Every structure is written in structure tokens, then in C-alpha cells.
Amino acid sequence: MYCEKCNRIIEADRCPVCKSRKIREPEAKDPCYLTEQDYLSSGILEDMLKQNNIPYLKKDVMGAGMAIKVGPMLERSRFYVPFEQLSSAMSILDDLFSAAED
């Protein structure tokens, strides 16, 4: 199921993240939450998504004003990909960060 409020794929009748009941079957073009990463990891993930021709939306958590104040290294970014590309993007994410742990 797909939560319309926080754009997450869930397995319940209520979103465990935002508690919304606005859920439905996902459609191919629905933007789905992939991950939240720090500044450096965001750049790497962005590059890998581009190389694999996976469209994405990147939203900064703090916003430009706060990032200027505290510095870009503390910024975190959330990534969203179309539902039809979610499994491919998850595979890239797993490969990237499981390799970083090794």
C-alpha cells in the first residue's frame, strides 16, 4: 500500500510513520520515499541514480537558509523515486551502502 501523506510504501492499513489512513494501491508514477542520507552519501547516491537512469526527487531536510547558517555538511537529503523504479533504486542503495560497510 502507498501512503499519500508521506509517500511511503507500507504493509498496513495505517501508516506507521505519519499515522495517516490515506493509503491506496501505488501507481507507477507515484513518488516513493527511498532514503534519507547525509551530505556526502547524498552526492554518491545522486550520481548512481543518474548513471542508472532512475529519475528522482531530492528534498533537503534543513532547507537552504539553515544549511547556510550551519554549513552544508550537516544537511540531510530525502530521496524519492517513482514506484515503478523503486526496486531498482533499492538495489542500488543496498549495493552502495553494504559495500561501504565491508
PDB file of N, CA and C in Angstrom:
ATOM      1  N   MET A   1       0.842  -1.182   0.000  1.00  0.00           N
ATOM      2  CA  MET A   1       0.000   0.000   0.000  1.00  0.00           C
ATOM      3  C   MET A   1       0.889   1.248   0.000  1.00  0.00           C
ATOM      4  N   TYR A   2       0.293   2.367  -0.383  1.00  0.00           N
ATOM      5  CA  TYR A   2       1.017   3.628  -0.542  1.00  0.00           C
ATOM      6  C   TYR A   2       0.383   4.701   0.336  1.00  0.00           C
ATOM      7  N   CYS A   3       1.183   5.347   1.162  1.00  0.00           N
ATOM      8  CA  CYS A   3       0.711   6.445   1.995  1.00  0.00           C
ATOM      9  C   CYS A   3       0.815   7.739   1.188  1.00  0.00           C
ATOM     10  N   GLU A   4      -0.310   8.383   0.957  1.00  0.00           N
ATOM     11  CA  GLU A   4      -0.342   9.612   0.172  1.00  0.00           C
ATOM     12  C   GLU A   4       0.285  10.791   0.915  1.00  0.00           C
ATOM     13  N   LYS A   5       0.334  10.724   2.228  1.00  0.00           N
ATOM     14  CA  LYS A   5       0.845  11.847   3.013  1.00  0.00           C
ATOM     15  C   LYS A   5       2.376  11.884   3.048  1.00  0.00           C
ATOM     16  N   CYS A   6       3.001  10.741   3.309  1.00  0.00           N
ATOM     17  CA  CYS A   6       4.469  10.746   3.431  1.00  0.00           C
ATOM     18  C   CYS A   6       5.171   9.991   2.298  1.00  0.00           C
ATOM     19  N   ASN A   7       4.418   9.535   1.316  1.00  0.00           N
ATOM     20  CA  ASN A   7       4.961   8.894   0.107  1.00  0.00           C
ATOM     21  C   ASN A   7       5.763   7.632   0.396  1.00  0.00           C
ATOM     22  N   ARG A   8       5.293   6.834   1.304  1.00  0.00           N
ATOM     23  CA  ARG A   8       5.992   5.593   1.648  1.00  0.00           C
ATOM     24  C   ARG A   8       5.161   4.380   1.264  1.00  0.00           C
ATOM     25  N   ILE A   9       5.868   3.327   0.933  1.00  0.00           N
ATOM     26  CA  ILE A   9       5.227   2.036   0.705  1.00  0.00           C
ATOM     27  C   ILE A   9       5.128   1.368   2.074  1.00  0.00           C
ATOM     28  N   ILE A  10       3.926   0.952   2.422  1.00  0.00           N
ATOM     29  CA  ILE A  10       3.693   0.370   3.745  1.00  0.00           C
ATOM     30  C   ILE A  10       2.965  -0.960   3.618  1.00  0.00           C
ATOM     31  N   GLU A  11       2.901  -1.687   4.709  1.00  0.00           N
ATOM     32  CA  GLU A  11       2.273  -3.003   4.718  1.00  0.00           C
ATOM     33  C   GLU A  11       1.085  -3.072   5.678  1.00  0.00           C
ATOM     34  N   ALA A  12       0.473  -1.929   5.977  1.00  0.00           N
ATOM     35  CA  ALA A  12      -0.622  -1.910   6.941  1.00  0.00           C
ATOM     36  C   ALA A  12      -1.747  -1.017   6.435  1.00  0.00           C
ATOM     37  N   ASP A  13      -2.847  -0.955   7.214  1.00  0.00           N
ATOM     38  CA  ASP A  13      -3.964  -0.104   6.820  1.00  0.00           C
ATOM     39  C   ASP A  13      -3.820   1.308   7.384  1.00  0.00           C
ATOM     40  N   ARG A  14      -2.732   1.537   8.114  1.00  0.00           N
ATOM     41  CA  ARG A  14      -2.406   2.847   8.668  1.00  0.00           C
ATOM     42  C   ARG A  14      -0.903   3.024   8.592  1.00  0.00           C
ATOM     43  N   CYS A  15      -0.451   4.197   8.161  1.00  0.00           N
ATOM     44  CA  CYS A  15       0.982   4.442   8.005  1.00  0.00           C
ATOM     45  C   CYS A  15       1.665   4.465   9.380  1.00  0.00           C
ATOM     46  N   PRO A  16       2.692   3.650   9.578  1.00  0.00           N
ATOM     47  CA  PRO A  16       3.389   3.635  10.862  1.00  0.00           C
ATOM     48  C   PRO A  16       4.241   4.886  11.093  1.00  0.00           C
ATOM     49  N   VAL A  17       4.534   5.637  10.026  1.00  0.00           N
ATOM     50  CA  VAL A  17       5.378   6.816  10.151  1.00  0.00           C
ATOM     51  C   VAL A  17       4.567   8.058  10.507  1.00  0.00           C
ATOM     52  N   CYS A  18       3.532   8.350   9.706  1.00  0.00           N
ATOM     53  CA  CYS A  18       2.754   9.580   9.917  1.00  0.00           C
ATOM     54  C   CYS A  18       1.369   9.320  10.514  1.00  0.00           C
ATOM     55  N   LYS A  19       1.000   8.061  10.684  1.00  0.00           N
ATOM     56  CA  LYS A  19      -0.283   7.631  11.263  1.00  0.00           C
ATOM     57  C   LYS A  19      -1.489   7.937  10.374  1.00  0.00           C
ATOM     58  N   SER A  20      -1.255   8.297   9.125  1.00  0.00           N
ATOM     59  CA  SER A  20      -2.341   8.620   8.202  1.00  0.00           C
ATOM     60  C   SER A  20      -3.082   7.354   7.762  1.00  0.00           C
ATOM     61  N   ARG A  21      -4.362   7.524   7.480  1.00  0.00           N
ATOM     62  CA  ARG A  21      -5.163   6.432   6.922  1.00  0.00           C
ATOM     63  C   ARG A  21      -5.392   6.641   5.429  1.00  0.00           C
ATOM     64  N   LYS A  22      -4.783   7.682   4.862  1.00  0.00           N
ATOM     65  CA  LYS A  22      -4.917   7.969   3.425  1.00  0.00           C
ATOM     66  C   LYS A  22      -3.961   7.064   2.654  1.00  0.00           C
ATOM     67  N   ILE A  23      -4.341   5.820   2.522  1.00  0.00           N
ATOM     68  CA  ILE A  23      -3.500   4.857   1.813  1.00  0.00           C
ATOM     69  C   ILE A  23      -4.283   4.246   0.659  1.00  0.00           C
ATOM     70  N   ARG A  24      -3.539   3.776  -0.323  1.00  0.00           N
ATOM     71  CA  ARG A  24      -4.150   3.174  -1.516  1.00  0.00           C
ATOM     72  C   ARG A  24      -3.103   2.318  -2.203  1.00  0.00           C
ATOM     73  N   GLU A  25      -3.522   1.664  -3.261  1.00  0.00           N
ATOM     74  CA  GLU A  25      -2.586   0.901  -4.077  1.00  0.00           C
ATOM     75  C   GLU A  25      -1.652   1.890  -4.783  1.00  0.00           C
ATOM     76  N   PRO A  26      -0.350   1.607  -4.846  1.00  0.00           N
ATOM     77  CA  PRO A  26       0.562   2.528  -5.533  1.00  0.00           C
ATOM     78  C   PRO A  26       0.382   2.480  -7.049  1.00  0.00           C
ATOM     79  N   GLU A  27       0.608   3.618  -7.680  1.00  0.00           N
ATOM     80  CA  GLU A  27       0.582   3.719  -9.136  1.00  0.00           C
ATOM     81  C   GLU A  27       2.021   3.881  -9.622  1.00  0.00           C
ATOM     82  N   ALA A  28       2.274   3.584 -10.883  1.00  0.00           N
ATOM     83  CA  ALA A  28       3.630   3.553 -11.439  1.00  0.00           C
ATOM     84  C   ALA A  28       4.403   4.845 -11.222  1.00  0.00           C
ATOM     85  N   LYS A  29       3.763   5.984 -11.344  1.00  0.00           N
ATOM     86  CA  LYS A  29       4.457   7.274 -11.260  1.00  0.00           C
ATOM     87  C   LYS A  29       4.469   7.889  -9.862  1.00  0.00           C
ATOM     88  N   ASP A  30       3.881   7.233  -8.876  1.00  0.00           N
ATOM     89  CA  ASP A  30       3.856   7.780  -7.516  1.00  0.00           C
ATOM     90  C   ASP A  30       5.278   7.954  -6.987  1.00  0.00           C
ATOM     91  N   PRO A  31       5.596   9.136  -6.430  1.00  0.00           N
ATOM     92  CA  PRO A  31       6.917   9.313  -5.827  1.00  0.00           C
ATOM     93  C   PRO A  31       6.973   8.548  -4.503  1.00  0.00           C
ATOM     94  N   CYS A  32       7.942   7.660  -4.375  1.00  0.00           N
ATOM     95  CA  CYS A  32       8.069   6.827  -3.177  1.00  0.00           C
ATOM     96  C   CYS A  32       9.357   7.152  -2.434  1.00  0.00           C
ATOM     97  N   TYR A  33       9.240   7.267  -1.131  1.00  0.00           N
ATOM     98  CA  TYR A  33      10.395   7.529  -0.282  1.00  0.00           C
ATOM     99  C   TYR A  33      11.402   6.396  -0.430  1.00  0.00           C
ATOM    100  N   LEU A  34      12.655   6.772  -0.697  1.00  0.00           N
ATOM    101  CA  LEU A  34      13.725   5.787  -0.824  1.00  0.00           C
ATOM    102  C   LEU A  34      14.604   5.780   0.418  1.00  0.00           C
ATOM    103  N   THR A  35      15.148   6.942   0.774  1.00  0.00           N
ATOM    104  CA  THR A  35      16.068   7.011   1.902  1.00  0.00           C
ATOM    105  C   THR A  35      16.337   8.459   2.285  1.00  0.00           C
ATOM    106  N   GLU A  36      16.950   8.627   3.446  1.00  0.00           N
ATOM    107  CA  GLU A  36      17.472   9.927   3.869  1.00  0.00           C
ATOM    108  C   GLU A  36      18.961   9.733   4.113  1.00  0.00           C
ATOM    109  N   GLN A  37      19.771  10.604   3.511  1.00  0.00           N
ATOM    110  CA  GLN A  37      21.222  10.461   3.593  1.00  0.00           C
ATOM    111  C   GLN A  37      21.879  11.781   3.984  1.00  0.00           C
ATOM    112  N   ASP A  38      23.107  11.678   4.518  1.00  0.00           N
ATOM    113  CA  ASP A  38      23.872  12.877   4.838  1.00  0.00           C
ATOM    114  C   ASP A  38      24.429  13.498   3.560  1.00  0.00           C
ATOM    115  N   TYR A  39      25.119  14.600   3.700  1.00  0.00           N
ATOM    116  CA  TYR A  39      25.600  15.384   2.565  1.00  0.00           C
ATOM    117  C   TYR A  39      26.478  14.562   1.616  1.00  0.00           C
ATOM    118  N   LEU A  40      27.460  13.874   2.143  1.00  0.00           N
ATOM    119  CA  LEU A  40      28.385  13.114   1.290  1.00  0.00           C
ATOM    120  C   LEU A  40      27.699  11.918   0.630  1.00  0.00           C
ATOM    121  N   SER A  41      26.948  11.167   1.390  1.00  0.00           N
ATOM    122  CA  SER A  41      26.250   9.998   0.837  1.00  0.00           C
ATOM    123  C   SER A  41      25.209  10.406  -0.196  1.00  0.00           C
ATOM    124  N   SER A  42      24.604  11.581  -0.006  1.00  0.00           N
ATOM    125  CA  SER A  42      23.616  12.080  -0.964  1.00  0.00           C
ATOM    126  C   SER A  42      24.234  12.275  -2.336  1.00  0.00           C
ATOM    127  N   GLY A  43      25.433  12.836  -2.362  1.00  0.00           N
ATOM    128  CA  GLY A  43      26.114  13.051  -3.634  1.00  0.00           C
ATOM    129  C   GLY A  43      26.416  11.750  -4.350  1.00  0.00           C
ATOM    130  N   ILE A  44      26.842  10.756  -3.605  1.00  0.00           N
ATOM    131  CA  ILE A  44      27.163   9.446  -4.182  1.00  0.00           C
ATOM    132  C   ILE A  44      25.899   8.789  -4.716  1.00  0.00           C
ATOM    133  N   LEU A  45      24.836   8.798  -3.912  1.00  0.00           N
ATOM    134  CA  LEU A  45      23.576   8.185  -4.330  1.00  0.00           C
ATOM    135  C   LEU A  45      23.005   8.900  -5.552  1.00  0.00           C
ATOM    136  N   GLU A  46      23.072  10.219  -5.553  1.00  0.00           N
ATOM    137  CA  GLU A  46      22.575  11.002  -6.684  1.00  0.00           C
ATOM    138  C   GLU A  46      23.290  10.593  -7.971  1.00  0.00           C
ATOM    139  N   ASP A  47      24.597  10.458  -7.896  1.00  0.00           N
ATOM    140  CA  ASP A  47      25.387  10.061  -9.058  1.00  0.00           C
ATOM    141  C   ASP A  47      24.997   8.669  -9.550  1.00  0.00           C
ATOM    142  N   MET A  48      24.804   7.735  -8.632  1.00  0.00           N
ATOM    143  CA  MET A  48      24.442   6.364  -9.015  1.00  0.00           C
ATOM    144  C   MET A  48      23.043   6.305  -9.649  1.00  0.00           C
ATOM    145  N   LEU A  49      22.114   7.073  -9.121  1.00  0.00           N
ATOM    146  CA  LEU A  49      20.770   7.103  -9.703  1.00  0.00           C
ATOM    147  C   LEU A  49      20.824   7.674 -11.120  1.00  0.00           C
ATOM    148  N   LYS A  50      21.609   8.726 -11.308  1.00  0.00           N
ATOM    149  CA  LYS A  50      21.763   9.313 -12.648  1.00  0.00           C
ATOM    150  C   LYS A  50      22.391   8.311 -13.614  1.00  0.00           C
ATOM    151  N   GLN A  51      23.435   7.613 -13.181  1.00  0.00           N
ATOM    152  CA  GLN A  51      24.115   6.639 -14.034  1.00  0.00           C
ATOM    153  C   GLN A  51      23.183   5.515 -14.464  1.00  0.00           C
ATOM    154  N   ASN A  52      22.225   5.182 -13.622  1.00  0.00           N
ATOM    155  CA  ASN A  52      21.283   4.100 -13.917  1.00  0.00           C
ATOM    156  C   ASN A  52      19.961   4.605 -14.491  1.00  0.00           C
ATOM    157  N   ASN A  53      19.932   5.877 -14.873  1.00  0.00           N
ATOM    158  CA  ASN A  53      18.751   6.497 -15.481  1.00  0.00           C
ATOM    159  C   ASN A  53      17.486   6.334 -14.648  1.00  0.00           C
ATOM    160  N   ILE A  54      17.632   6.494 -13.349  1.00  0.00           N
ATOM    161  CA  ILE A  54      16.485   6.426 -12.453  1.00  0.00           C
ATOM    162  C   ILE A  54      16.121   7.857 -12.059  1.00  0.00           C
ATOM    163  N   PRO A  55      14.942   8.323 -12.454  1.00  0.00           N
ATOM    164  CA  PRO A  55      14.532   9.675 -12.062  1.00  0.00           C
ATOM    165  C   PRO A  55      14.323   9.731 -10.549  1.00  0.00           C
ATOM    166  N   TYR A  56      14.634  10.876  -9.963  1.00  0.00           N
ATOM    167  CA  TYR A  56      14.500  11.008  -8.515  1.00  0.00           C
ATOM    168  C   TYR A  56      14.169  12.448  -8.155  1.00  0.00           C
ATOM    169  N   LEU A  57      13.666  12.609  -6.955  1.00  0.00           N
ATOM    170  CA  LEU A  57      13.423  13.912  -6.373  1.00  0.00           C
ATOM    171  C   LEU A  57      14.224  13.952  -5.089  1.00  0.00           C
ATOM    172  N   LYS A  58      14.993  15.000  -4.906  1.00  0.00           N
ATOM    173  CA  LYS A  58      15.810  15.151  -3.704  1.00  0.00           C
ATOM    174  C   LYS A  58      15.312  16.362  -2.940  1.00  0.00           C
ATOM    175  N   LYS A  59      14.934  16.148  -1.677  1.00  0.00           N
ATOM    176  CA  LYS A  59      14.461  17.241  -0.829  1.00  0.00           C
ATOM    177  C   LYS A  59      15.403  17.394   0.350  1.00  0.00           C
ATOM    178  N   ASP A  60      15.935  18.591   0.512  1.00  0.00           N
ATOM    179  CA  ASP A  60      16.804  18.850   1.656  1.00  0.00           C
ATOM    180  C   ASP A  60      15.962  19.013   2.905  1.00  0.00           C
ATOM    181  N   VAL A  61      16.423  18.443   4.002  1.00  0.00           N
ATOM    182  CA  VAL A  61      15.668  18.443   5.244  1.00  0.00           C
ATOM    183  C   VAL A  61      15.702  19.816   5.916  1.00  0.00           C
ATOM    184  N   MET A  62      16.882  20.407   6.026  1.00  0.00           N
ATOM    185  CA  MET A  62      17.005  21.692   6.729  1.00  0.00           C
ATOM    186  C   MET A  62      16.561  22.868   5.879  1.00  0.00           C
ATOM    187  N   GLY A  63      16.784  22.801   4.604  1.00  0.00           N
ATOM    188  CA  GLY A  63      16.493  23.927   3.735  1.00  0.00           C
ATOM    189  C   GLY A  63      17.725  24.796   3.550  1.00  0.00           C
ATOM    190  N   ALA A  64      17.681  25.644   2.547  1.00  0.00           N
ATOM    191  CA  ALA A  64      18.850  26.438   2.168  1.00  0.00           C
ATOM    192  C   ALA A  64      19.295  27.406   3.268  1.00  0.00           C
ATOM    193  N   GLY A  65      18.357  28.088   3.884  1.00  0.00           N
ATOM    194  CA  GLY A  65      18.705  29.078   4.912  1.00  0.00           C
ATOM    195  C   GLY A  65      19.454  28.466   6.079  1.00  0.00           C
ATOM    196  N   MET A  66      18.948  27.375   6.585  1.00  0.00           N
ATOM    197  CA  MET A  66      19.594  26.716   7.725  1.00  0.00           C
ATOM    198  C   MET A  66      20.926  26.101   7.314  1.00  0.00           C
ATOM    199  N   ALA A  67      20.990  25.540   6.118  1.00  0.00           N
ATOM    200  CA  ALA A  67      22.241  24.936   5.639  1.00  0.00           C
ATOM    201  C   ALA A  67      23.335  25.992   5.509  1.00  0.00           C
ATOM    202  N   ILE A  68      22.966  27.209   5.104  1.00  0.00           N
ATOM    203  CA  ILE A  68      23.948  28.293   5.015  1.00  0.00           C
ATOM    204  C   ILE A  68      24.464  28.651   6.407  1.00  0.00           C
ATOM    205  N   LYS A  69      23.569  28.651   7.382  1.00  0.00           N
ATOM    206  CA  LYS A  69      23.940  29.000   8.753  1.00  0.00           C
ATOM    207  C   LYS A  69      24.856  27.964   9.402  1.00  0.00           C
ATOM    208  N   VAL A  70      24.502  26.700   9.293  1.00  0.00           N
ATOM    209  CA  VAL A  70      25.255  25.651   9.997  1.00  0.00           C
ATOM    210  C   VAL A  70      26.277  24.951   9.114  1.00  0.00           C
ATOM    211  N   GLY A  71      26.203  25.190   7.828  1.00  0.00           N
ATOM    212  CA  GLY A  71      27.136  24.558   6.896  1.00  0.00           C
ATOM    213  C   GLY A  71      26.494  23.388   6.177  1.00  0.00           C
ATOM    214  N   PRO A  72      26.854  23.198   4.919  1.00  0.00           N
ATOM    215  CA  PRO A  72      26.216  22.155   4.113  1.00  0.00           C
ATOM    216  C   PRO A  72      26.547  20.731   4.578  1.00  0.00           C
ATOM    217  N   MET A  73      27.615  20.544   5.313  1.00  0.00           N
ATOM    218  CA  MET A  73      27.996  19.193   5.735  1.00  0.00           C
ATOM    219  C   MET A  73      26.984  18.584   6.714  1.00  0.00           C
ATOM    220  N   LEU A  74      26.186  19.416   7.369  1.00  0.00           N
ATOM    221  CA  LEU A  74      25.185  18.900   8.308  1.00  0.00           C
ATOM    222  C   LEU A  74      23.828  18.666   7.643  1.00  0.00           C
ATOM    223  N   GLU A  75      23.714  19.064   6.380  1.00  0.00           N
ATOM    224  CA  GLU A  75      22.449  18.885   5.649  1.00  0.00           C
ATOM    225  C   GLU A  75      22.169  17.412   5.385  1.00  0.00           C
ATOM    226  N   ARG A  76      20.914  17.058   5.447  1.00  0.00           N
ATOM    227  CA  ARG A  76      20.464  15.709   5.107  1.00  0.00           C
ATOM    228  C   ARG A  76      19.447  15.849   3.980  1.00  0.00           C
ATOM    229  N   SER A  77      19.420  14.858   3.099  1.00  0.00           N
ATOM    230  CA  SER A  77      18.513  14.899   1.949  1.00  0.00           C
ATOM    231  C   SER A  77      17.670  13.649   1.904  1.00  0.00           C
ATOM    232  N   ARG A  78      16.397  13.827   1.542  1.00  0.00           N
ATOM    233  CA  ARG A  78      15.485  12.706   1.344  1.00  0.00           C
ATOM    234  C   ARG A  78      15.336  12.480  -0.153  1.00  0.00           C
ATOM    235  N   PHE A  79      15.354  11.217  -0.537  1.00  0.00           N
ATOM    236  CA  PHE A  79      15.238  10.841  -1.937  1.00  0.00           C
ATOM    237  C   PHE A  79      13.923  10.121  -2.176  1.00  0.00           C
ATOM    238  N   TYR A  80      13.287  10.479  -3.294  1.00  0.00           N
ATOM    239  CA  TYR A  80      12.042   9.857  -3.728  1.00  0.00           C
ATOM    240  C   TYR A  80      12.216   9.415  -5.174  1.00  0.00           C
ATOM    241  N   VAL A  81      11.708   8.239  -5.496  1.00  0.00           N
ATOM    242  CA  VAL A  81      11.771   7.720  -6.866  1.00  0.00           C
ATOM    243  C   VAL A  81      10.378   7.226  -7.256  1.00  0.00           C
ATOM    244  N   PRO A  82      10.082   7.165  -8.570  1.00  0.00           N
ATOM    245  CA  PRO A  82       8.776   6.629  -8.985  1.00  0.00           C
ATOM    246  C   PRO A  82       8.617   5.176  -8.533  1.00  0.00           C
ATOM    247  N   PHE A  83       7.398   4.799  -8.195  1.00  0.00           N
ATOM    248  CA  PHE A  83       7.138   3.442  -7.722  1.00  0.00           C
ATOM    249  C   PHE A  83       7.675   2.383  -8.681  1.00  0.00           C
ATOM    250  N   GLU A  84       7.536   2.636  -9.984  1.00  0.00           N
ATOM    251  CA  GLU A  84       7.998   1.666 -10.976  1.00  0.00           C
ATOM    252  C   GLU A  84       9.522   1.482 -10.956  1.00  0.00           C
ATOM    253  N   GLN A  85      10.267   2.407 -10.362  1.00  0.00           N
ATOM    254  CA  GLN A  85      11.721   2.329 -10.271  1.00  0.00           C
ATOM    255  C   GLN A  85      12.214   2.009  -8.855  1.00  0.00           C
ATOM    256  N   LEU A  86      11.295   1.850  -7.917  1.00  0.00           N
ATOM    257  CA  LEU A  86      11.665   1.685  -6.519  1.00  0.00           C
ATOM    258  C   LEU A  86      12.546   0.464  -6.269  1.00  0.00           C
ATOM    259  N   SER A  87      12.216  -0.669  -6.850  1.00  0.00           N
ATOM    260  CA  SER A  87      13.020  -1.874  -6.596  1.00  0.00           C
ATOM    261  C   SER A  87      14.435  -1.720  -7.152  1.00  0.00           C
ATOM    262  N   SER A  88      14.588  -1.097  -8.318  1.00  0.00           N
ATOM    263  CA  SER A  88      15.918  -0.856  -8.882  1.00  0.00           C
ATOM    264  C   SER A  88      16.711   0.092  -7.995  1.00  0.00           C
ATOM    265  N   ALA A  89      16.052   1.145  -7.518  1.00  0.00           N
ATOM    266  CA  ALA A  89      16.723   2.116  -6.654  1.00  0.00           C
ATOM    267  C   ALA A  89      17.108   1.491  -5.318  1.00  0.00           C
ATOM    268  N   MET A  90      16.254   0.629  -4.781  1.00  0.00           N
ATOM    269  CA  MET A  90      16.575  -0.063  -3.527  1.00  0.00           C
ATOM    270  C   MET A  90      17.788  -0.966  -3.706  1.00  0.00           C
ATOM    271  N   SER A  91      17.878  -1.618  -4.843  1.00  0.00           N
ATOM    272  CA  SER A  91      19.011  -2.481  -5.139  1.00  0.00           C
ATOM    273  C   SER A  91      20.311  -1.673  -5.179  1.00  0.00           C
ATOM    274  N   ILE A  92      20.265  -0.514  -5.826  1.00  0.00           N
ATOM    275  CA  ILE A  92      21.440   0.368  -5.883  1.00  0.00           C
ATOM    276  C   ILE A  92      21.810   0.828  -4.480  1.00  0.00           C
ATOM    277  N   LEU A  93      20.822   1.211  -3.701  1.00  0.00           N
ATOM    278  CA  LEU A  93      21.045   1.660  -2.331  1.00  0.00           C
ATOM    279  C   LEU A  93      21.698   0.568  -1.496  1.00  0.00           C
ATOM    280  N   ASP A  94      21.179  -0.652  -1.611  1.00  0.00           N
ATOM    281  CA  ASP A  94      21.755  -1.780  -0.874  1.00  0.00           C
ATOM    282  C   ASP A  94      23.190  -2.043  -1.294  1.00  0.00           C
ATOM    283  N   ASP A  95      23.450  -2.026  -2.602  1.00  0.00           N
ATOM    284  CA  ASP A  95      24.811  -2.261  -3.101  1.00  0.00           C
ATOM    285  C   ASP A  95      25.780  -1.193  -2.628  1.00  0.00           C
ATOM    286  N   LEU A  96      25.353   0.041  -2.674  1.00  0.00           N
ATOM    287  CA  LEU A  96      26.223   1.166  -2.274  1.00  0.00           C
ATOM    288  C   LEU A  96      26.613   1.085  -0.810  1.00  0.00           C
ATOM    289  N   PHE A  97      25.631   0.944   0.045  1.00  0.00           N
ATOM    290  CA  PHE A  97      25.908   1.070   1.459  1.00  0.00           C
ATOM    291  C   PHE A  97      26.267  -0.242   2.136  1.00  0.00           C
ATOM    292  N   SER A  98      26.018  -1.374   1.494  1.00  0.00           N
ATOM    293  CA  SER A  98      26.542  -2.625   2.029  1.00  0.00           C
ATOM    294  C   SER A  98      28.028  -2.718   1.685  1.00  0.00           C
ATOM    295  N   ALA A  99      28.423  -2.164   0.529  1.00  0.00           N
ATOM    296  CA  ALA A  99      29.840  -2.136   0.147  1.00  0.00           C
ATOM    297  C   ALA A  99      30.618  -1.190   1.049  1.00  0.00           C
ATOM    298  N   ALA A 100      29.978  -0.105   1.494  1.00  0.00           N
ATOM    299  CA  ALA A 100      30.633   0.857   2.388  1.00  0.00           C
ATOM    300  C   ALA A 100      30.891   0.236   3.764  1.00  0.00           C
ATOM    301  N   GLU A 101      30.033  -0.697   4.179  1.00  0.00           N
ATOM    302  CA  GLU A 101      30.199  -1.339   5.475  1.00  0.00           C
ATOM    303  C   GLU A 101      31.302  -2.381   5.474  1.00  0.00           C
ATOM    304  N   ASP A 102      31.603  -2.955   4.283  1.00  0.00           N
ATOM    305  CA  ASP A 102      32.613  -4.018   4.193  1.00  0.00           C
ATOM    306  C   ASP A 102      34.019  -3.514   4.308  1.00  0.00           C
TER     307      ASP A 102
END
